[in-house]
Amino acid sequence: MTKHPIYTMSVAQVYPHYVNKAERKGRTKDEVDQIIRWLTGYSQSQLDAQLKAEKDFETFFAEAPELNPCRAQITGVICGVRVEEIQEPTMREIRYLDKLIDELARGKTMSKILRT
């Protein structure tokens, strides 16, 4: 079975799209970074290093210091698929991130996005 192309795509390639999506809706790069740090456990300097090293999504999530246990509360549809029904772990993590960025762009408060 071949891996989905997104697994080998650099997070640094997609990151500007996350930021642009947020900024078009009046949100900030700092909020995008906060979401990524919440999800993965990376510090800001670790996140910056991952982006600079152009790590692919599979490696990015595999090397994450501590995936947030509250991420299981992320539900809903992204790319036509319910995130809670995705069986493949790496794809589920990628879609969790997509869903959180989507929630940010839709104007949800950070406390709701971060499930606090």
N, C-alpha and C. Protein backbone atom coordinates (compact mmCIF):
# COMPACT_ATOMS: atom_id res chain seq x y z
N MET A 1 0.85 -1.18 0.00
CA MET A 1 0.00 0.00 0.00
C MET A 1 0.90 1.25 0.00
N THR A 2 0.64 2.16 -0.90
CA THR A 2 1.43 3.40 -0.96
C THR A 2 0.89 4.41 0.04
N LYS A 3 1.82 5.20 0.54
CA LYS A 3 1.44 6.25 1.48
C LYS A 3 0.79 7.40 0.73
N HIS A 4 -0.11 8.05 1.42
CA HIS A 4 -0.73 9.25 0.87
C HIS A 4 0.38 10.29 0.66
N PRO A 5 0.34 11.05 -0.43
CA PRO A 5 1.40 12.04 -0.71
C PRO A 5 1.60 13.06 0.40
N ILE A 6 0.59 13.35 1.19
CA ILE A 6 0.74 14.37 2.24
C ILE A 6 1.74 13.92 3.31
N TYR A 7 1.90 12.60 3.50
CA TYR A 7 2.83 12.11 4.51
C TYR A 7 4.25 12.57 4.24
N THR A 8 4.61 12.65 2.99
CA THR A 8 5.99 13.02 2.62
C THR A 8 6.12 14.51 2.31
N MET A 9 5.03 15.23 2.39
CA MET A 9 5.07 16.67 2.15
C MET A 9 5.63 17.37 3.38
N SER A 10 6.44 18.36 3.14
CA SER A 10 7.03 19.14 4.24
C SER A 10 5.96 19.99 4.92
N VAL A 11 5.98 19.97 6.25
CA VAL A 11 5.08 20.82 7.02
C VAL A 11 5.34 22.29 6.67
N ALA A 12 6.60 22.60 6.42
CA ALA A 12 6.98 23.98 6.07
C ALA A 12 6.33 24.43 4.76
N GLN A 13 6.00 23.49 3.88
CA GLN A 13 5.31 23.84 2.62
C GLN A 13 3.87 24.24 2.89
N VAL A 14 3.24 23.58 3.84
CA VAL A 14 1.82 23.79 4.12
C VAL A 14 1.61 24.91 5.15
N TYR A 15 2.55 25.08 6.04
CA TYR A 15 2.45 26.07 7.12
C TYR A 15 2.04 27.46 6.63
N PRO A 16 2.66 28.00 5.56
CA PRO A 16 2.22 29.34 5.11
C PRO A 16 0.75 29.38 4.70
N HIS A 17 0.23 28.26 4.22
CA HIS A 17 -1.19 28.20 3.86
C HIS A 17 -2.08 28.26 5.11
N TYR A 18 -1.63 27.59 6.18
CA TYR A 18 -2.35 27.68 7.45
C TYR A 18 -2.38 29.13 7.92
N VAL A 19 -1.23 29.78 7.89
CA VAL A 19 -1.12 31.16 8.35
C VAL A 19 -1.97 32.08 7.47
N ASN A 20 -1.88 31.92 6.16
CA ASN A 20 -2.67 32.76 5.24
C ASN A 20 -4.16 32.58 5.47
N LYS A 21 -4.60 31.34 5.67
CA LYS A 21 -6.02 31.08 5.91
C LYS A 21 -6.47 31.80 7.17
N ALA A 22 -5.66 31.74 8.21
CA ALA A 22 -6.00 32.40 9.47
C ALA A 22 -6.00 33.92 9.30
N GLU A 23 -4.96 34.45 8.67
CA GLU A 23 -4.84 35.91 8.54
C GLU A 23 -5.93 36.50 7.65
N ARG A 24 -6.37 35.77 6.65
CA ARG A 24 -7.47 36.26 5.80
C ARG A 24 -8.74 36.46 6.61
N LYS A 25 -8.86 35.73 7.71
CA LYS A 25 -10.04 35.83 8.56
C LYS A 25 -9.78 36.65 9.82
N GLY A 26 -8.69 37.44 9.82
CA GLY A 26 -8.41 38.32 10.94
C GLY A 26 -7.73 37.65 12.12
N ARG A 27 -7.22 36.45 11.93
CA ARG A 27 -6.50 35.76 13.01
C ARG A 27 -5.00 35.92 12.77
N THR A 28 -4.18 35.34 13.64
CA THR A 28 -2.74 35.61 13.57
C THR A 28 -1.89 34.36 13.44
N LYS A 29 -0.65 34.58 13.02
CA LYS A 29 0.36 33.52 12.96
C LYS A 29 0.59 32.96 14.36
N ASP A 30 0.60 33.84 15.35
CA ASP A 30 0.80 33.39 16.73
C ASP A 30 -0.28 32.40 17.17
N GLU A 31 -1.51 32.64 16.73
CA GLU A 31 -2.60 31.71 17.07
C GLU A 31 -2.40 30.37 16.36
N VAL A 32 -1.95 30.40 15.11
CA VAL A 32 -1.65 29.16 14.39
C VAL A 32 -0.57 28.39 15.15
N ASP A 33 0.50 29.09 15.54
CA ASP A 33 1.58 28.45 16.28
C ASP A 33 1.08 27.88 17.61
N GLN A 34 0.23 28.62 18.28
CA GLN A 34 -0.32 28.15 19.56
C GLN A 34 -1.09 26.85 19.37
N ILE A 35 -1.87 26.78 18.32
CA ILE A 35 -2.63 25.57 18.00
C ILE A 35 -1.68 24.40 17.75
N ILE A 36 -0.67 24.62 16.95
CA ILE A 36 0.27 23.54 16.62
C ILE A 36 1.01 23.08 17.89
N ARG A 37 1.42 24.04 18.72
CA ARG A 37 2.11 23.69 19.97
C ARG A 37 1.18 22.90 20.90
N TRP A 38 -0.08 23.33 20.99
CA TRP A 38 -1.06 22.62 21.83
C TRP A 38 -1.24 21.19 21.35
N LEU A 39 -1.35 21.00 20.06
CA LEU A 39 -1.60 19.67 19.50
C LEU A 39 -0.41 18.74 19.66
N THR A 40 0.80 19.27 19.47
CA THR A 40 1.99 18.42 19.36
C THR A 40 2.90 18.41 20.58
N GLY A 41 2.82 19.43 21.41
CA GLY A 41 3.73 19.53 22.54
C GLY A 41 5.07 20.18 22.20
N TYR A 42 5.25 20.60 20.95
CA TYR A 42 6.48 21.31 20.59
C TYR A 42 6.51 22.66 21.29
N SER A 43 7.71 23.09 21.70
CA SER A 43 7.89 24.48 22.14
C SER A 43 7.98 25.33 20.87
N GLN A 44 7.96 26.65 21.01
CA GLN A 44 8.06 27.50 19.83
C GLN A 44 9.40 27.28 19.13
N SER A 45 10.49 27.15 19.88
CA SER A 45 11.80 26.94 19.24
C SER A 45 11.86 25.58 18.56
N GLN A 46 11.24 24.56 19.15
CA GLN A 46 11.20 23.25 18.51
C GLN A 46 10.36 23.28 17.23
N LEU A 47 9.24 23.99 17.28
CA LEU A 47 8.40 24.13 16.10
C LEU A 47 9.16 24.84 14.99
N ASP A 48 9.82 25.93 15.34
CA ASP A 48 10.62 26.66 14.35
C ASP A 48 11.70 25.77 13.74
N ALA A 49 12.33 24.94 14.58
CA ALA A 49 13.38 24.02 14.08
C ALA A 49 12.79 22.97 13.14
N GLN A 50 11.61 22.46 13.46
CA GLN A 50 10.95 21.48 12.59
C GLN A 50 10.63 22.10 11.23
N LEU A 51 10.15 23.33 11.25
CA LEU A 51 9.83 24.02 10.00
C LEU A 51 11.11 24.30 9.20
N LYS A 52 12.14 24.75 9.88
CA LYS A 52 13.41 25.06 9.21
C LYS A 52 14.02 23.80 8.59
N ALA A 53 13.89 22.68 9.29
CA ALA A 53 14.43 21.40 8.80
C ALA A 53 13.56 20.79 7.71
N GLU A 54 12.40 21.41 7.46
CA GLU A 54 11.45 20.95 6.44
C GLU A 54 11.07 19.48 6.63
N LYS A 55 10.74 19.15 7.89
CA LYS A 55 10.32 17.78 8.21
C LYS A 55 8.99 17.49 7.52
N ASP A 56 8.84 16.24 7.08
CA ASP A 56 7.57 15.85 6.47
C ASP A 56 6.54 15.60 7.58
N PHE A 57 5.28 15.53 7.19
CA PHE A 57 4.21 15.39 8.18
C PHE A 57 4.37 14.12 9.02
N GLU A 58 4.76 13.03 8.40
CA GLU A 58 4.90 11.78 9.14
C GLU A 58 5.97 11.92 10.23
N THR A 59 7.11 12.49 9.89
CA THR A 59 8.19 12.70 10.85
C THR A 59 7.79 13.74 11.89
N PHE A 60 7.16 14.81 11.45
CA PHE A 60 6.72 15.88 12.34
C PHE A 60 5.87 15.33 13.48
N PHE A 61 4.90 14.49 13.16
CA PHE A 61 4.04 13.94 14.20
C PHE A 61 4.73 12.83 14.97
N ALA A 62 5.58 12.04 14.31
CA ALA A 62 6.31 10.97 15.01
C ALA A 62 7.27 11.55 16.05
N GLU A 63 7.85 12.73 15.77
CA GLU A 63 8.81 13.35 16.66
C GLU A 63 8.15 14.32 17.66
N ALA A 64 6.85 14.47 17.59
CA ALA A 64 6.16 15.39 18.49
C ALA A 64 6.43 14.99 19.95
N PRO A 65 6.82 15.96 20.78
CA PRO A 65 7.16 15.64 22.17
C PRO A 65 6.02 14.99 22.95
N GLU A 66 4.81 15.51 22.78
CA GLU A 66 3.67 14.95 23.51
C GLU A 66 2.37 15.36 22.84
N LEU A 67 1.79 14.43 22.09
CA LEU A 67 0.51 14.72 21.45
C LEU A 67 -0.53 14.92 22.54
N ASN A 68 -1.28 16.01 22.43
CA ASN A 68 -2.22 16.39 23.47
C ASN A 68 -3.34 15.34 23.59
N PRO A 69 -3.54 14.80 24.79
CA PRO A 69 -4.60 13.79 24.96
C PRO A 69 -6.00 14.34 24.68
N CYS A 70 -6.18 15.65 24.80
CA CYS A 70 -7.49 16.26 24.54
C CYS A 70 -7.82 16.30 23.04
N ARG A 71 -6.86 15.96 22.20
CA ARG A 71 -7.12 16.02 20.75
C ARG A 71 -8.21 15.04 20.33
N ALA A 72 -8.46 14.02 21.16
CA ALA A 72 -9.53 13.07 20.85
C ALA A 72 -10.91 13.75 20.91
N GLN A 73 -10.98 14.93 21.51
CA GLN A 73 -12.24 15.68 21.56
C GLN A 73 -12.52 16.41 20.25
N ILE A 74 -11.56 16.42 19.33
CA ILE A 74 -11.74 17.10 18.05
C ILE A 74 -12.63 16.22 17.18
N THR A 75 -13.76 16.75 16.80
CA THR A 75 -14.70 16.00 15.97
C THR A 75 -15.18 16.89 14.84
N GLY A 76 -15.83 16.28 13.89
CA GLY A 76 -16.39 17.04 12.78
C GLY A 76 -15.82 16.58 11.46
N VAL A 77 -16.21 17.29 10.42
CA VAL A 77 -15.85 16.90 9.06
C VAL A 77 -14.77 17.84 8.53
N ILE A 78 -13.75 17.25 7.93
CA ILE A 78 -12.73 18.00 7.23
C ILE A 78 -12.40 17.22 5.96
N CYS A 79 -12.37 17.90 4.86
CA CYS A 79 -12.14 17.25 3.55
C CYS A 79 -13.15 16.14 3.30
N GLY A 80 -14.38 16.34 3.77
CA GLY A 80 -15.45 15.38 3.52
C GLY A 80 -15.40 14.12 4.37
N VAL A 81 -14.52 14.09 5.38
CA VAL A 81 -14.37 12.91 6.22
C VAL A 81 -14.50 13.31 7.68
N ARG A 82 -15.18 12.49 8.46
CA ARG A 82 -15.27 12.74 9.90
C ARG A 82 -13.93 12.39 10.54
N VAL A 83 -13.31 13.36 11.20
CA VAL A 83 -11.98 13.13 11.76
C VAL A 83 -11.96 12.01 12.79
N GLU A 84 -13.02 11.89 13.55
CA GLU A 84 -13.05 10.85 14.58
C GLU A 84 -13.15 9.44 14.01
N GLU A 85 -13.45 9.31 12.72
CA GLU A 85 -13.57 8.00 12.08
C GLU A 85 -12.32 7.60 11.30
N ILE A 86 -11.33 8.47 11.23
CA ILE A 86 -10.11 8.15 10.48
C ILE A 86 -9.31 7.12 11.27
N GLN A 87 -9.03 5.99 10.64
CA GLN A 87 -8.35 4.90 11.33
C GLN A 87 -6.84 5.04 11.34
N GLU A 88 -6.26 5.55 10.26
CA GLU A 88 -4.80 5.64 10.15
C GLU A 88 -4.30 6.76 11.06
N PRO A 89 -3.44 6.45 12.03
CA PRO A 89 -3.05 7.44 13.04
C PRO A 89 -2.41 8.72 12.49
N THR A 90 -1.49 8.61 11.56
CA THR A 90 -0.84 9.82 11.05
C THR A 90 -1.83 10.70 10.29
N MET A 91 -2.68 10.10 9.49
CA MET A 91 -3.68 10.87 8.75
C MET A 91 -4.63 11.55 9.74
N ARG A 92 -4.99 10.85 10.81
CA ARG A 92 -5.88 11.44 11.81
C ARG A 92 -5.23 12.68 12.44
N GLU A 93 -3.93 12.60 12.75
CA GLU A 93 -3.22 13.75 13.34
C GLU A 93 -3.21 14.92 12.36
N ILE A 94 -2.94 14.64 11.10
CA ILE A 94 -2.93 15.70 10.08
C ILE A 94 -4.30 16.35 9.99
N ARG A 95 -5.34 15.56 9.99
CA ARG A 95 -6.70 16.10 9.88
C ARG A 95 -7.13 16.81 11.16
N TYR A 96 -6.63 16.37 12.32
CA TYR A 96 -6.88 17.14 13.54
C TYR A 96 -6.34 18.55 13.37
N LEU A 97 -5.11 18.66 12.88
CA LEU A 97 -4.50 19.97 12.67
C LEU A 97 -5.32 20.79 11.67
N ASP A 98 -5.69 20.17 10.56
CA ASP A 98 -6.52 20.87 9.57
C ASP A 98 -7.81 21.38 10.19
N LYS A 99 -8.44 20.55 11.00
CA LYS A 99 -9.71 20.92 11.63
C LYS A 99 -9.53 22.10 12.59
N LEU A 100 -8.45 22.08 13.36
CA LEU A 100 -8.20 23.18 14.30
C LEU A 100 -7.96 24.49 13.55
N ILE A 101 -7.19 24.44 12.47
CA ILE A 101 -6.94 25.65 11.68
C ILE A 101 -8.25 26.14 11.05
N ASP A 102 -9.07 25.21 10.62
CA ASP A 102 -10.38 25.57 10.06
C ASP A 102 -11.25 26.26 11.12
N GLU A 103 -11.24 25.73 12.33
CA GLU A 103 -12.00 26.35 13.42
C GLU A 103 -11.50 27.76 13.71
N LEU A 104 -10.18 27.94 13.67
CA LEU A 104 -9.60 29.27 13.87
C LEU A 104 -10.10 30.24 12.80
N ALA A 105 -10.06 29.80 11.56
CA ALA A 105 -10.49 30.65 10.45
C ALA A 105 -11.99 30.94 10.50
N ARG A 106 -12.75 30.07 11.12
CA ARG A 106 -14.20 30.27 11.23
C ARG A 106 -14.58 31.16 12.41
N GLY A 107 -13.56 31.60 13.16
CA GLY A 107 -13.83 32.56 14.22
C GLY A 107 -14.06 32.01 15.60
N LYS A 108 -13.84 30.72 15.80
CA LYS A 108 -14.00 30.16 17.14
C LYS A 108 -12.99 30.78 18.09
N THR A 109 -13.35 30.87 19.34
CA THR A 109 -12.41 31.39 20.34
C THR A 109 -11.31 30.36 20.59
N MET A 110 -10.14 30.85 21.01
CA MET A 110 -9.02 29.94 21.26
C MET A 110 -9.37 28.94 22.37
N SER A 111 -10.13 29.34 23.36
CA SER A 111 -10.47 28.40 24.44
C SER A 111 -11.31 27.23 23.90
N LYS A 112 -12.18 27.50 22.95
CA LYS A 112 -12.97 26.43 22.35
C LYS A 112 -12.12 25.56 21.43
N ILE A 113 -11.25 26.20 20.66
CA ILE A 113 -10.37 25.46 19.74
C ILE A 113 -9.47 24.52 20.54
N LEU A 114 -8.93 25.02 21.65
CA LEU A 114 -7.98 24.24 22.45
C LEU A 114 -8.67 23.37 23.49
N ARG A 115 -9.99 23.28 23.40
CA ARG A 115 -10.78 22.40 24.26
C ARG A 115 -10.49 22.61 25.73
N THR A 116 -10.45 23.89 26.15
CA THR A 116 -10.20 24.18 27.57
C THR A 116 -11.47 24.62 28.28
